[in-house]
Amino acid sequence: MSYGDILNTIPISAVRRGLEKIKDLLVTAYIAADVVVTNAHVAADVVVTNAHIAADVVVTNAHVAADVVVDDARKEVGQVANVEVAFADVRAANTTPVVLIADPGVGKYIIVDEVLLFHDYGGATYAFTGTASIQYGAVEGGADVITPYPDDATILEATGDALDVSHGVDCIPVEGDGSDTGQIIYASAADSITGTGVFKFSIKYRIVAIA
């Protein structure tokens, strides 16, 4: 029997299986060996073990894992405070300032980024003496002013619905003490005996912890 006759007796499926094995051998010869990448600057060994392009991939990186640290205690947390102040509290905001954001505690600061005040007019106009403001502290005039409001028809003594928005307010944050030093309040220079509008505040702020 000739060589050609022998080849003709081999099923085509067997030929295909033989070719697949040859292909595997060729791939294994060039790729199957262990690949080790060592990078002194990244400072970690990346080890790829691949017997037939299908084995485990192991990444060991102790140095990078140790150096990348997220400290939850120091990150800034963005928040929004939505507070409605009834007319009785608006009138008495000098005697009893309204707390808008509570003191965050020792080692923490409130940074105010934006203040929106909507005066929902109630039919009777306020009559303030002097200005009102959003500020740090516990009493009117006791700490840094964040956003001042003039005692005119623009917002406080408006004769209809009014809106005021302050962006990127200029202020010096006060560290909290766990009680009221670092809180944010609305306070007026003097109480008003008239007025029935509701003051609706929406304040965007961040709490920052400084160790």
N, C-alpha and C. Protein backbone atom coordinates (compact mmCIF):
# COMPACT_ATOMS: atom_id res chain seq x y z
N MET A 1 0.86 -1.20 0.00
CA MET A 1 0.00 0.00 0.00
C MET A 1 0.90 1.24 0.00
N SER A 2 0.56 2.16 -0.86
CA SER A 2 1.39 3.36 -0.98
C SER A 2 1.08 4.33 0.15
N TYR A 3 1.97 5.34 0.30
CA TYR A 3 1.77 6.38 1.32
C TYR A 3 0.47 7.12 1.09
N GLY A 4 0.19 7.37 -0.23
CA GLY A 4 -1.06 8.07 -0.55
C GLY A 4 -2.27 7.26 -0.16
N ASP A 5 -2.18 5.91 -0.37
CA ASP A 5 -3.30 5.06 0.02
C ASP A 5 -3.52 5.09 1.53
N ILE A 6 -2.40 5.14 2.27
CA ILE A 6 -2.51 5.20 3.74
C ILE A 6 -3.22 6.49 4.17
N LEU A 7 -2.83 7.61 3.57
CA LEU A 7 -3.46 8.89 3.92
C LEU A 7 -4.96 8.87 3.64
N ASN A 8 -5.32 8.19 2.54
CA ASN A 8 -6.73 8.16 2.17
C ASN A 8 -7.57 7.37 3.16
N THR A 9 -6.92 6.50 3.94
CA THR A 9 -7.67 5.71 4.93
C THR A 9 -7.88 6.44 6.24
N ILE A 10 -7.24 7.62 6.42
CA ILE A 10 -7.37 8.39 7.69
C ILE A 10 -8.62 9.25 7.62
N PRO A 11 -9.55 9.09 8.56
CA PRO A 11 -10.78 9.91 8.55
C PRO A 11 -10.42 11.40 8.66
N ILE A 12 -11.22 12.24 8.01
CA ILE A 12 -10.97 13.69 8.05
C ILE A 12 -11.06 14.24 9.46
N SER A 13 -11.93 13.65 10.31
CA SER A 13 -12.06 14.12 11.70
C SER A 13 -10.77 13.90 12.47
N ALA A 14 -10.09 12.80 12.17
CA ALA A 14 -8.81 12.54 12.84
C ALA A 14 -7.77 13.55 12.40
N VAL A 15 -7.80 13.92 11.13
CA VAL A 15 -6.88 14.93 10.63
C VAL A 15 -7.09 16.25 11.35
N ARG A 16 -8.36 16.63 11.54
CA ARG A 16 -8.67 17.90 12.22
C ARG A 16 -8.18 17.88 13.66
N ARG A 17 -8.40 16.72 14.33
CA ARG A 17 -7.95 16.64 15.72
C ARG A 17 -6.44 16.76 15.80
N GLY A 18 -5.76 16.15 14.81
CA GLY A 18 -4.30 16.26 14.79
C GLY A 18 -3.82 17.67 14.59
N LEU A 19 -4.50 18.40 13.69
CA LEU A 19 -4.12 19.79 13.45
C LEU A 19 -4.35 20.65 14.69
N GLU A 20 -5.47 20.39 15.43
CA GLU A 20 -5.75 21.15 16.64
C GLU A 20 -4.67 20.92 17.68
N LYS A 21 -4.19 19.66 17.78
CA LYS A 21 -3.14 19.36 18.76
C LYS A 21 -1.84 20.07 18.38
N ILE A 22 -1.55 20.07 17.06
CA ILE A 22 -0.35 20.78 16.61
C ILE A 22 -0.44 22.26 16.94
N LYS A 23 -1.66 22.83 16.72
CA LYS A 23 -1.84 24.26 17.03
C LYS A 23 -1.62 24.52 18.51
N ASP A 24 -2.18 23.63 19.38
CA ASP A 24 -2.01 23.79 20.82
C ASP A 24 -0.54 23.74 21.21
N LEU A 25 0.16 22.81 20.58
CA LEU A 25 1.59 22.69 20.89
C LEU A 25 2.35 23.94 20.50
N LEU A 26 2.01 24.50 19.33
CA LEU A 26 2.68 25.71 18.88
C LEU A 26 2.39 26.87 19.82
N VAL A 27 1.11 27.05 20.22
CA VAL A 27 0.74 28.14 21.12
C VAL A 27 1.40 27.97 22.47
N THR A 28 1.37 26.72 22.95
CA THR A 28 1.96 26.46 24.27
C THR A 28 3.45 26.77 24.27
N ALA A 29 4.09 26.47 23.13
CA ALA A 29 5.54 26.66 23.07
C ALA A 29 5.92 28.12 23.22
N TYR A 30 5.06 28.99 22.75
CA TYR A 30 5.40 30.41 22.77
C TYR A 30 4.70 31.18 23.88
N ILE A 31 3.57 30.65 24.39
CA ILE A 31 2.80 31.42 25.36
C ILE A 31 2.63 30.71 26.69
N ALA A 32 2.69 29.37 26.65
CA ALA A 32 2.29 28.62 27.84
C ALA A 32 3.19 28.82 29.03
N ALA A 33 4.43 29.22 28.82
CA ALA A 33 5.32 29.37 29.95
C ALA A 33 4.85 30.48 30.87
N ASP A 34 5.29 30.44 32.12
CA ASP A 34 4.91 31.46 33.09
C ASP A 34 5.47 32.81 32.67
N VAL A 35 4.62 33.83 32.77
CA VAL A 35 5.03 35.18 32.44
C VAL A 35 5.10 35.97 33.73
N VAL A 36 6.22 36.52 34.05
CA VAL A 36 6.42 37.28 35.28
C VAL A 36 6.84 38.69 34.92
N VAL A 37 6.06 39.67 35.36
CA VAL A 37 6.37 41.07 35.11
C VAL A 37 6.71 41.72 36.43
N THR A 38 7.92 42.20 36.55
CA THR A 38 8.36 42.85 37.78
C THR A 38 8.66 44.31 37.48
N ASN A 39 7.99 45.18 38.20
CA ASN A 39 8.16 46.61 37.97
C ASN A 39 8.57 47.26 39.29
N ALA A 40 9.83 47.70 39.36
CA ALA A 40 10.33 48.25 40.62
C ALA A 40 9.61 49.52 41.00
N HIS A 41 9.13 50.28 40.01
CA HIS A 41 8.46 51.54 40.32
C HIS A 41 7.05 51.30 40.84
N VAL A 42 6.37 50.36 40.22
CA VAL A 42 5.05 49.99 40.74
C VAL A 42 5.24 49.17 42.01
N ALA A 43 6.40 48.52 42.12
CA ALA A 43 6.82 47.79 43.31
C ALA A 43 5.97 46.58 43.58
N ALA A 44 5.48 45.92 42.53
CA ALA A 44 4.68 44.73 42.75
C ALA A 44 4.96 43.74 41.65
N ASP A 45 4.85 42.47 41.97
CA ASP A 45 5.04 41.42 40.98
C ASP A 45 3.69 41.01 40.42
N VAL A 46 3.56 41.06 39.10
CA VAL A 46 2.36 40.60 38.44
C VAL A 46 2.68 39.24 37.84
N VAL A 47 2.09 38.19 38.36
CA VAL A 47 2.42 36.84 37.92
C VAL A 47 1.25 36.25 37.14
N VAL A 48 1.54 35.81 35.91
CA VAL A 48 0.53 35.17 35.09
C VAL A 48 0.96 33.74 34.86
N THR A 49 0.23 32.76 35.37
CA THR A 49 0.54 31.36 35.16
C THR A 49 -0.46 30.83 34.15
N ASN A 50 0.05 30.33 33.01
CA ASN A 50 -0.85 29.97 31.92
C ASN A 50 -0.33 28.73 31.21
N ALA A 51 -0.79 27.54 31.61
CA ALA A 51 -0.31 26.32 31.00
C ALA A 51 -0.85 26.13 29.59
N HIS A 52 -2.12 26.43 29.41
CA HIS A 52 -2.71 26.31 28.07
C HIS A 52 -3.62 27.50 27.80
N ILE A 53 -3.16 28.66 28.11
CA ILE A 53 -3.92 29.91 27.95
C ILE A 53 -5.21 29.87 28.76
N ALA A 54 -5.21 29.12 29.85
CA ALA A 54 -6.45 29.00 30.61
C ALA A 54 -6.23 28.85 32.09
N ALA A 55 -5.02 29.12 32.58
CA ALA A 55 -4.77 28.92 34.00
C ALA A 55 -5.05 30.18 34.80
N ASP A 56 -4.68 30.15 36.07
CA ASP A 56 -4.99 31.27 36.96
C ASP A 56 -4.12 32.49 36.66
N VAL A 57 -4.70 33.66 36.92
CA VAL A 57 -3.96 34.91 36.80
C VAL A 57 -3.87 35.49 38.21
N VAL A 58 -2.67 35.67 38.70
CA VAL A 58 -2.46 36.13 40.07
C VAL A 58 -1.77 37.48 40.04
N VAL A 59 -2.35 38.46 40.73
CA VAL A 59 -1.75 39.78 40.81
C VAL A 59 -1.43 40.06 42.27
N THR A 60 -0.17 40.27 42.54
CA THR A 60 0.25 40.58 43.90
C THR A 60 0.86 41.98 43.90
N ASN A 61 0.28 42.87 44.68
CA ASN A 61 0.76 44.25 44.67
C ASN A 61 0.66 44.84 46.07
N ALA A 62 1.53 44.40 46.94
CA ALA A 62 1.46 44.84 48.33
C ALA A 62 1.78 46.32 48.49
N HIS A 63 2.73 46.82 47.69
CA HIS A 63 3.16 48.21 47.86
C HIS A 63 2.09 49.19 47.42
N VAL A 64 1.49 48.95 46.26
CA VAL A 64 0.45 49.86 45.80
C VAL A 64 -0.74 49.81 46.74
N ALA A 65 -1.10 48.60 47.19
CA ALA A 65 -2.23 48.46 48.10
C ALA A 65 -2.00 49.22 49.39
N ALA A 66 -0.75 49.26 49.82
CA ALA A 66 -0.46 49.94 51.08
C ALA A 66 -0.41 51.45 50.90
N ASP A 67 0.04 51.92 49.75
CA ASP A 67 0.23 53.35 49.55
C ASP A 67 -1.07 54.10 49.23
N VAL A 68 -2.02 53.41 48.60
CA VAL A 68 -3.27 54.08 48.23
C VAL A 68 -4.22 53.96 49.41
N VAL A 69 -4.45 55.06 50.09
CA VAL A 69 -5.25 55.06 51.31
C VAL A 69 -6.39 56.06 51.18
N VAL A 70 -7.59 55.63 51.46
CA VAL A 70 -8.73 56.52 51.51
C VAL A 70 -9.12 56.67 52.97
N ASP A 71 -8.92 57.85 53.48
CA ASP A 71 -9.20 58.11 54.88
C ASP A 71 -10.59 58.72 55.00
N ASP A 72 -11.57 57.92 55.40
CA ASP A 72 -12.94 58.39 55.50
C ASP A 72 -13.08 59.54 56.48
N ALA A 73 -12.19 59.59 57.47
CA ALA A 73 -12.31 60.62 58.49
C ALA A 73 -11.97 62.00 57.95
N ARG A 74 -11.22 62.08 56.82
CA ARG A 74 -10.79 63.37 56.31
C ARG A 74 -11.50 63.80 55.03
N LYS A 75 -12.33 62.94 54.46
CA LYS A 75 -12.95 63.28 53.19
C LYS A 75 -14.07 64.30 53.38
N GLU A 76 -14.34 65.06 52.34
CA GLU A 76 -15.42 66.03 52.37
C GLU A 76 -16.72 65.34 51.97
N VAL A 77 -17.77 65.66 52.70
CA VAL A 77 -19.06 65.05 52.43
C VAL A 77 -20.04 66.15 52.02
N GLY A 78 -20.51 66.11 50.76
CA GLY A 78 -21.44 67.11 50.29
C GLY A 78 -22.86 66.79 50.73
N GLN A 79 -23.56 67.82 51.20
CA GLN A 79 -24.91 67.63 51.70
C GLN A 79 -25.77 68.84 51.35
N VAL A 80 -27.08 68.68 51.53
CA VAL A 80 -28.03 69.78 51.33
C VAL A 80 -28.96 69.84 52.53
N ALA A 81 -29.10 71.03 53.08
CA ALA A 81 -30.02 71.25 54.20
C ALA A 81 -31.22 72.05 53.69
N ASN A 82 -32.41 71.49 53.81
CA ASN A 82 -33.65 72.18 53.44
C ASN A 82 -34.43 72.48 54.71
N VAL A 83 -34.59 73.76 55.01
CA VAL A 83 -35.22 74.16 56.27
C VAL A 83 -36.28 75.22 56.00
N GLU A 84 -37.47 75.00 56.54
CA GLU A 84 -38.54 76.01 56.48
C GLU A 84 -38.65 76.69 57.83
N VAL A 85 -38.65 78.02 57.80
CA VAL A 85 -38.74 78.80 59.04
C VAL A 85 -40.09 79.50 59.06
N ALA A 86 -40.92 79.12 60.01
CA ALA A 86 -42.26 79.70 60.14
C ALA A 86 -42.18 81.17 60.53
N PHE A 87 -43.27 81.93 60.26
CA PHE A 87 -43.21 83.38 60.46
C PHE A 87 -42.93 83.75 61.91
N ALA A 88 -43.42 82.96 62.88
CA ALA A 88 -43.17 83.29 64.29
C ALA A 88 -41.68 83.21 64.60
N ASP A 89 -40.99 82.24 63.99
CA ASP A 89 -39.54 82.10 64.21
C ASP A 89 -38.77 83.15 63.43
N VAL A 90 -39.28 83.55 62.26
CA VAL A 90 -38.63 84.63 61.50
C VAL A 90 -38.68 85.93 62.30
N ARG A 91 -39.81 86.19 62.88
CA ARG A 91 -39.96 87.43 63.67
C ARG A 91 -39.00 87.46 64.86
N ALA A 92 -38.78 86.32 65.49
CA ALA A 92 -37.99 86.26 66.72
C ALA A 92 -36.54 85.85 66.48
N ALA A 93 -36.06 86.01 65.25
CA ALA A 93 -34.73 85.50 64.90
C ALA A 93 -33.58 86.25 65.56
N ASN A 94 -33.85 87.36 66.22
CA ASN A 94 -32.81 88.02 67.00
C ASN A 94 -32.75 87.43 68.41
N THR A 95 -33.89 87.32 69.02
CA THR A 95 -33.96 86.75 70.37
C THR A 95 -33.59 85.27 70.36
N THR A 96 -34.10 84.57 69.35
CA THR A 96 -33.85 83.13 69.24
C THR A 96 -33.46 82.79 67.80
N PRO A 97 -32.18 82.86 67.48
CA PRO A 97 -31.74 82.52 66.13
C PRO A 97 -32.16 81.10 65.74
N VAL A 98 -32.39 80.91 64.46
CA VAL A 98 -32.86 79.61 63.95
C VAL A 98 -31.67 78.78 63.49
N VAL A 99 -31.57 77.57 63.99
CA VAL A 99 -30.48 76.67 63.60
C VAL A 99 -30.82 76.03 62.25
N LEU A 100 -29.95 76.24 61.27
CA LEU A 100 -30.16 75.66 59.94
C LEU A 100 -29.34 74.39 59.74
N ILE A 101 -28.11 74.37 60.27
CA ILE A 101 -27.25 73.19 60.19
C ILE A 101 -26.59 73.01 61.56
N ALA A 102 -26.71 71.83 62.11
CA ALA A 102 -26.19 71.59 63.45
C ALA A 102 -24.66 71.56 63.47
N ASP A 103 -24.11 71.84 64.64
CA ASP A 103 -22.66 71.75 64.85
C ASP A 103 -22.19 70.34 64.51
N PRO A 104 -21.15 70.19 63.65
CA PRO A 104 -20.72 68.86 63.22
C PRO A 104 -19.83 68.12 64.22
N GLY A 105 -19.34 68.82 65.24
CA GLY A 105 -18.49 68.17 66.23
C GLY A 105 -17.05 68.64 66.18
N VAL A 106 -16.29 68.27 67.19
CA VAL A 106 -14.90 68.71 67.32
C VAL A 106 -14.06 68.21 66.14
N GLY A 107 -13.22 69.10 65.60
CA GLY A 107 -12.34 68.74 64.51
C GLY A 107 -12.99 68.79 63.14
N LYS A 108 -14.24 69.24 63.08
CA LYS A 108 -14.96 69.29 61.81
C LYS A 108 -15.44 70.71 61.52
N TYR A 109 -15.49 71.02 60.23
CA TYR A 109 -15.89 72.34 59.78
C TYR A 109 -17.01 72.22 58.75
N ILE A 110 -17.92 73.18 58.76
CA ILE A 110 -18.95 73.27 57.73
C ILE A 110 -18.51 74.33 56.73
N ILE A 111 -18.43 73.95 55.45
CA ILE A 111 -18.13 74.92 54.40
C ILE A 111 -19.38 75.07 53.54
N VAL A 112 -19.94 76.25 53.51
CA VAL A 112 -21.17 76.52 52.76
C VAL A 112 -20.81 76.93 51.34
N ASP A 113 -21.39 76.25 50.36
CA ASP A 113 -21.11 76.54 48.95
C ASP A 113 -22.21 77.35 48.28
N GLU A 114 -23.44 77.17 48.71
CA GLU A 114 -24.55 77.88 48.06
C GLU A 114 -25.72 78.01 49.04
N VAL A 115 -26.36 79.16 49.01
CA VAL A 115 -27.53 79.39 49.85
C VAL A 115 -28.68 79.90 48.99
N LEU A 116 -29.79 79.20 49.04
CA LEU A 116 -31.00 79.66 48.36
C LEU A 116 -32.04 79.98 49.42
N LEU A 117 -32.60 81.17 49.32
CA LEU A 117 -33.68 81.58 50.24
C LEU A 117 -34.89 81.99 49.43
N PHE A 118 -36.00 81.29 49.66
CA PHE A 118 -37.27 81.64 49.03
C PHE A 118 -38.20 82.21 50.10
N HIS A 119 -38.59 83.47 49.91
CA HIS A 119 -39.54 84.10 50.82
C HIS A 119 -40.94 83.85 50.27
N ASP A 120 -41.64 82.93 50.93
CA ASP A 120 -43.01 82.60 50.53
C ASP A 120 -43.93 83.59 51.23
N TYR A 121 -44.30 84.62 50.50
CA TYR A 121 -45.04 85.74 51.10
C TYR A 121 -46.37 85.27 51.70
N GLY A 122 -46.65 85.77 52.90
CA GLY A 122 -47.85 85.32 53.60
C GLY A 122 -48.96 86.34 53.70
N GLY A 123 -48.80 87.50 53.07
CA GLY A 123 -49.86 88.51 53.09
C GLY A 123 -49.53 89.72 53.94
N ALA A 124 -48.69 89.55 54.95
CA ALA A 124 -48.25 90.67 55.79
C ALA A 124 -46.74 90.82 55.64
N THR A 125 -46.29 92.07 55.49
CA THR A 125 -44.88 92.34 55.22
C THR A 125 -44.08 92.49 56.51
N TYR A 126 -42.88 91.95 56.51
CA TYR A 126 -42.01 92.09 57.67
C TYR A 126 -41.47 93.51 57.75
N ALA A 127 -41.10 93.93 58.96
CA ALA A 127 -40.49 95.23 59.18
C ALA A 127 -39.29 95.04 60.11
N PHE A 128 -38.14 94.76 59.51
CA PHE A 128 -36.94 94.54 60.31
C PHE A 128 -36.21 95.85 60.56
N THR A 129 -35.47 95.90 61.66
CA THR A 129 -34.58 97.01 61.94
C THR A 129 -33.16 96.48 61.82
N GLY A 130 -32.47 96.93 60.78
CA GLY A 130 -31.14 96.39 60.55
C GLY A 130 -31.21 95.18 59.64
N THR A 131 -30.10 94.50 59.50
CA THR A 131 -30.00 93.38 58.56
C THR A 131 -30.24 92.04 59.26
N ALA A 132 -30.29 91.01 58.44
CA ALA A 132 -30.33 89.64 58.93
C ALA A 132 -29.26 88.87 58.17
N SER A 133 -28.89 87.72 58.66
CA SER A 133 -27.81 86.99 58.00
C SER A 133 -27.84 85.51 58.34
N ILE A 134 -27.14 84.76 57.50
CA ILE A 134 -26.80 83.38 57.83
C ILE A 134 -25.36 83.41 58.30
N GLN A 135 -25.08 82.77 59.41
CA GLN A 135 -23.76 82.89 60.01
C GLN A 135 -23.44 81.67 60.87
N TYR A 136 -22.14 81.58 61.25
CA TYR A 136 -21.71 80.56 62.20
C TYR A 136 -21.97 81.05 63.61
N GLY A 137 -22.18 80.15 64.53
CA GLY A 137 -22.27 80.52 65.93
C GLY A 137 -23.63 80.25 66.53
N ALA A 138 -23.83 80.76 67.71
CA ALA A 138 -25.05 80.50 68.46
C ALA A 138 -25.93 81.73 68.63
N VAL A 139 -25.35 82.93 68.49
CA VAL A 139 -26.11 84.16 68.72
C VAL A 139 -25.89 85.12 67.56
N GLU A 140 -26.80 86.00 67.36
CA GLU A 140 -26.71 87.00 66.28
C GLU A 140 -25.46 87.85 66.48
N GLY A 141 -24.67 87.97 65.41
CA GLY A 141 -23.47 88.79 65.48
C GLY A 141 -22.33 88.14 66.23
N GLY A 142 -22.48 86.86 66.57
CA GLY A 142 -21.47 86.22 67.40
C GLY A 142 -20.34 85.55 66.64
N ALA A 143 -20.47 85.42 65.33
CA ALA A 143 -19.42 84.72 64.57
C ALA A 143 -19.42 85.21 63.13
N ASP A 144 -18.75 84.47 62.27
CA ASP A 144 -18.55 84.92 60.90
C ASP A 144 -19.83 84.86 60.09
N VAL A 145 -20.11 85.95 59.36
CA VAL A 145 -21.30 86.02 58.51
C VAL A 145 -21.04 85.31 57.19
N ILE A 146 -21.97 84.47 56.79
CA ILE A 146 -21.86 83.74 55.53
C ILE A 146 -22.57 84.50 54.42
N THR A 147 -23.84 84.79 54.64
CA THR A 147 -24.64 85.52 53.65
C THR A 147 -25.46 86.59 54.35
N PRO A 148 -25.20 87.88 54.07
CA PRO A 148 -26.00 88.95 54.67
C PRO A 148 -27.23 89.26 53.81
N TYR A 149 -28.31 89.66 54.46
CA TYR A 149 -29.52 90.08 53.75
C TYR A 149 -29.88 91.50 54.19
N PRO A 150 -30.00 92.42 53.26
CA PRO A 150 -30.37 93.80 53.63
C PRO A 150 -31.84 93.87 54.05
N ASP A 151 -32.14 94.83 54.89
CA ASP A 151 -33.53 94.99 55.36
C ASP A 151 -34.29 95.88 54.37
N ASP A 152 -34.50 95.36 53.17
CA ASP A 152 -35.24 96.11 52.17
C ASP A 152 -36.21 95.17 51.45
N ALA A 153 -36.84 95.68 50.43
CA ALA A 153 -37.88 94.91 49.74
C ALA A 153 -37.32 93.82 48.83
N THR A 154 -35.99 93.70 48.78
CA THR A 154 -35.39 92.70 47.91
C THR A 154 -35.78 91.28 48.32
N ILE A 155 -35.67 90.98 49.59
CA ILE A 155 -35.96 89.62 50.05
C ILE A 155 -36.67 89.60 51.41
N LEU A 156 -36.08 90.21 52.43
CA LEU A 156 -36.65 90.11 53.77
C LEU A 156 -37.99 90.82 53.89
N GLU A 157 -38.06 92.01 53.35
CA GLU A 157 -39.29 92.81 53.47
C GLU A 157 -40.04 92.88 52.14
N ALA A 158 -39.92 91.81 51.38
CA ALA A 158 -40.61 91.75 50.08
C ALA A 158 -42.12 91.78 50.29
N THR A 159 -42.81 92.38 49.33
CA THR A 159 -44.27 92.46 49.41
C THR A 159 -44.94 91.38 48.55
N GLY A 160 -44.16 90.42 48.16
CA GLY A 160 -44.64 89.27 47.40
C GLY A 160 -43.57 88.19 47.45
N ASP A 161 -43.80 87.09 46.79
CA ASP A 161 -42.81 86.03 46.78
C ASP A 161 -41.47 86.55 46.25
N ALA A 162 -40.38 86.12 46.88
CA ALA A 162 -39.05 86.60 46.48
C ALA A 162 -38.05 85.46 46.62
N LEU A 163 -37.01 85.52 45.76
CA LEU A 163 -35.99 84.47 45.76
C LEU A 163 -34.61 85.10 45.73
N ASP A 164 -33.71 84.56 46.54
CA ASP A 164 -32.32 85.03 46.55
C ASP A 164 -31.40 83.80 46.56
N VAL A 165 -30.37 83.85 45.70
CA VAL A 165 -29.40 82.75 45.64
C VAL A 165 -28.00 83.34 45.76
N SER A 166 -27.21 82.78 46.67
CA SER A 166 -25.83 83.21 46.85
C SER A 166 -24.91 82.03 46.55
N HIS A 167 -23.97 82.22 45.60
CA HIS A 167 -23.04 81.17 45.21
C HIS A 167 -21.64 81.50 45.72
N GLY A 168 -20.87 80.46 46.02
CA GLY A 168 -19.48 80.66 46.41
C GLY A 168 -19.34 81.69 47.51
N VAL A 169 -20.11 81.53 48.55
CA VAL A 169 -20.15 82.52 49.62
C VAL A 169 -18.79 82.66 50.28
N ASP A 170 -18.49 83.87 50.70
CA ASP A 170 -17.19 84.20 51.30
C ASP A 170 -17.32 84.11 52.81
N CYS A 171 -16.65 83.10 53.37
CA CYS A 171 -16.76 82.94 54.82
C CYS A 171 -15.55 82.19 55.36
N ILE A 172 -15.36 82.26 56.65
CA ILE A 172 -14.29 81.54 57.33
C ILE A 172 -14.94 80.48 58.21
N PRO A 173 -14.80 79.20 57.86
CA PRO A 173 -15.44 78.15 58.66
C PRO A 173 -14.98 78.16 60.10
N VAL A 174 -15.88 77.82 61.00
CA VAL A 174 -15.58 77.76 62.42
C VAL A 174 -15.62 76.29 62.85
N GLU A 175 -14.59 75.88 63.58
CA GLU A 175 -14.55 74.49 64.03
C GLU A 175 -15.66 74.22 65.03
N GLY A 176 -16.31 73.08 64.85
CA GLY A 176 -17.36 72.69 65.78
C GLY A 176 -16.79 72.29 67.13
N ASP A 177 -17.65 72.31 68.15
CA ASP A 177 -17.21 71.89 69.47
C ASP A 177 -18.16 70.86 70.06
N GLY A 178 -19.09 70.36 69.22
CA GLY A 178 -20.02 69.36 69.70
C GLY A 178 -21.28 69.94 70.30
N SER A 179 -21.36 71.28 70.39
CA SER A 179 -22.57 71.89 70.96
C SER A 179 -23.19 72.86 69.96
N ASP A 180 -22.59 74.07 69.82
CA ASP A 180 -23.20 75.04 68.92
C ASP A 180 -22.23 76.03 68.28
N THR A 181 -20.95 75.94 68.58
CA THR A 181 -19.99 76.91 68.07
C THR A 181 -19.94 76.93 66.55
N GLY A 182 -19.93 75.74 65.94
CA GLY A 182 -19.79 75.66 64.50
C GLY A 182 -21.08 75.50 63.74
N GLN A 183 -22.21 75.66 64.40
CA GLN A 183 -23.49 75.50 63.71
C GLN A 183 -23.78 76.69 62.80
N ILE A 184 -24.72 76.48 61.89
CA ILE A 184 -25.14 77.55 60.98
C ILE A 184 -26.52 78.03 61.41
N ILE A 185 -26.66 79.34 61.58
CA ILE A 185 -27.93 79.89 62.05
C ILE A 185 -28.42 81.00 61.12
N TYR A 186 -29.73 81.25 61.22
CA TYR A 186 -30.30 82.45 60.61
C TYR A 186 -30.64 83.38 61.77
N ALA A 187 -30.17 84.60 61.69
CA ALA A 187 -30.41 85.54 62.79
C ALA A 187 -30.62 86.94 62.23
N SER A 188 -31.37 87.74 62.94
CA SER A 188 -31.62 89.13 62.52
C SER A 188 -31.12 90.08 63.59
N ALA A 189 -30.83 91.32 63.17
CA ALA A 189 -30.30 92.32 64.10
C ALA A 189 -31.34 92.75 65.12
N ALA A 190 -32.60 92.59 64.76
CA ALA A 190 -33.68 92.94 65.69
C ALA A 190 -34.92 92.14 65.30
N ASP A 191 -35.77 91.86 66.26
CA ASP A 191 -37.00 91.13 65.97
C ASP A 191 -37.97 92.01 65.20
N SER A 192 -38.86 91.36 64.46
CA SER A 192 -39.90 92.07 63.72
C SER A 192 -41.25 91.76 64.36
N ILE A 193 -42.09 92.78 64.48
CA ILE A 193 -43.40 92.55 65.11
C ILE A 193 -44.48 92.26 64.08
N THR A 194 -44.11 92.38 62.81
CA THR A 194 -45.08 92.09 61.75
C THR A 194 -44.49 91.08 60.77
N GLY A 195 -45.32 90.60 59.87
CA GLY A 195 -44.87 89.69 58.83
C GLY A 195 -45.41 88.28 59.04
N THR A 196 -45.82 87.65 57.93
CA THR A 196 -46.37 86.29 58.02
C THR A 196 -45.78 85.35 56.95
N GLY A 197 -44.72 85.77 56.29
CA GLY A 197 -44.12 84.93 55.26
C GLY A 197 -43.30 83.79 55.85
N VAL A 198 -43.15 82.74 55.07
CA VAL A 198 -42.32 81.60 55.46
C VAL A 198 -40.99 81.69 54.70
N PHE A 199 -39.89 81.56 55.42
CA PHE A 199 -38.56 81.57 54.80
C PHE A 199 -38.14 80.12 54.56
N LYS A 200 -37.88 79.80 53.29
CA LYS A 200 -37.50 78.43 52.93
C LYS A 200 -36.04 78.44 52.45
N PHE A 201 -35.18 77.80 53.22
CA PHE A 201 -33.75 77.76 52.91
C PHE A 201 -33.37 76.41 52.29
N SER A 202 -32.50 76.47 51.30
CA SER A 202 -31.87 75.27 50.74
C SER A 202 -30.37 75.58 50.67
N ILE A 203 -29.60 74.88 51.48
CA ILE A 203 -28.18 75.20 51.64
C ILE A 203 -27.33 74.01 51.22
N LYS A 204 -26.45 74.24 50.24
CA LYS A 204 -25.49 73.22 49.84
C LYS A 204 -24.21 73.44 50.65
N TYR A 205 -23.74 72.39 51.29
CA TYR A 205 -22.58 72.55 52.14
C TYR A 205 -21.77 71.25 52.20
N ARG A 206 -20.56 71.38 52.74
CA ARG A 206 -19.68 70.23 52.94
C ARG A 206 -19.19 70.21 54.38
N ILE A 207 -19.01 69.02 54.91
CA ILE A 207 -18.41 68.86 56.23
C ILE A 207 -16.99 68.33 56.01
N VAL A 208 -16.02 69.07 56.52
CA VAL A 208 -14.62 68.70 56.35
C VAL A 208 -14.02 68.40 57.71
N ALA A 209 -13.36 67.25 57.81
CA ALA A 209 -12.67 66.89 59.05
C ALA A 209 -11.19 67.14 58.88
N ILE A 210 -10.60 67.83 59.83
CA ILE A 210 -9.17 68.14 59.80
C ILE A 210 -8.55 67.60 61.09
N ALA A 211 -7.69 66.61 60.92
CA ALA A 211 -7.09 65.98 62.09
C ALA A 211 -6.05 66.89 62.71
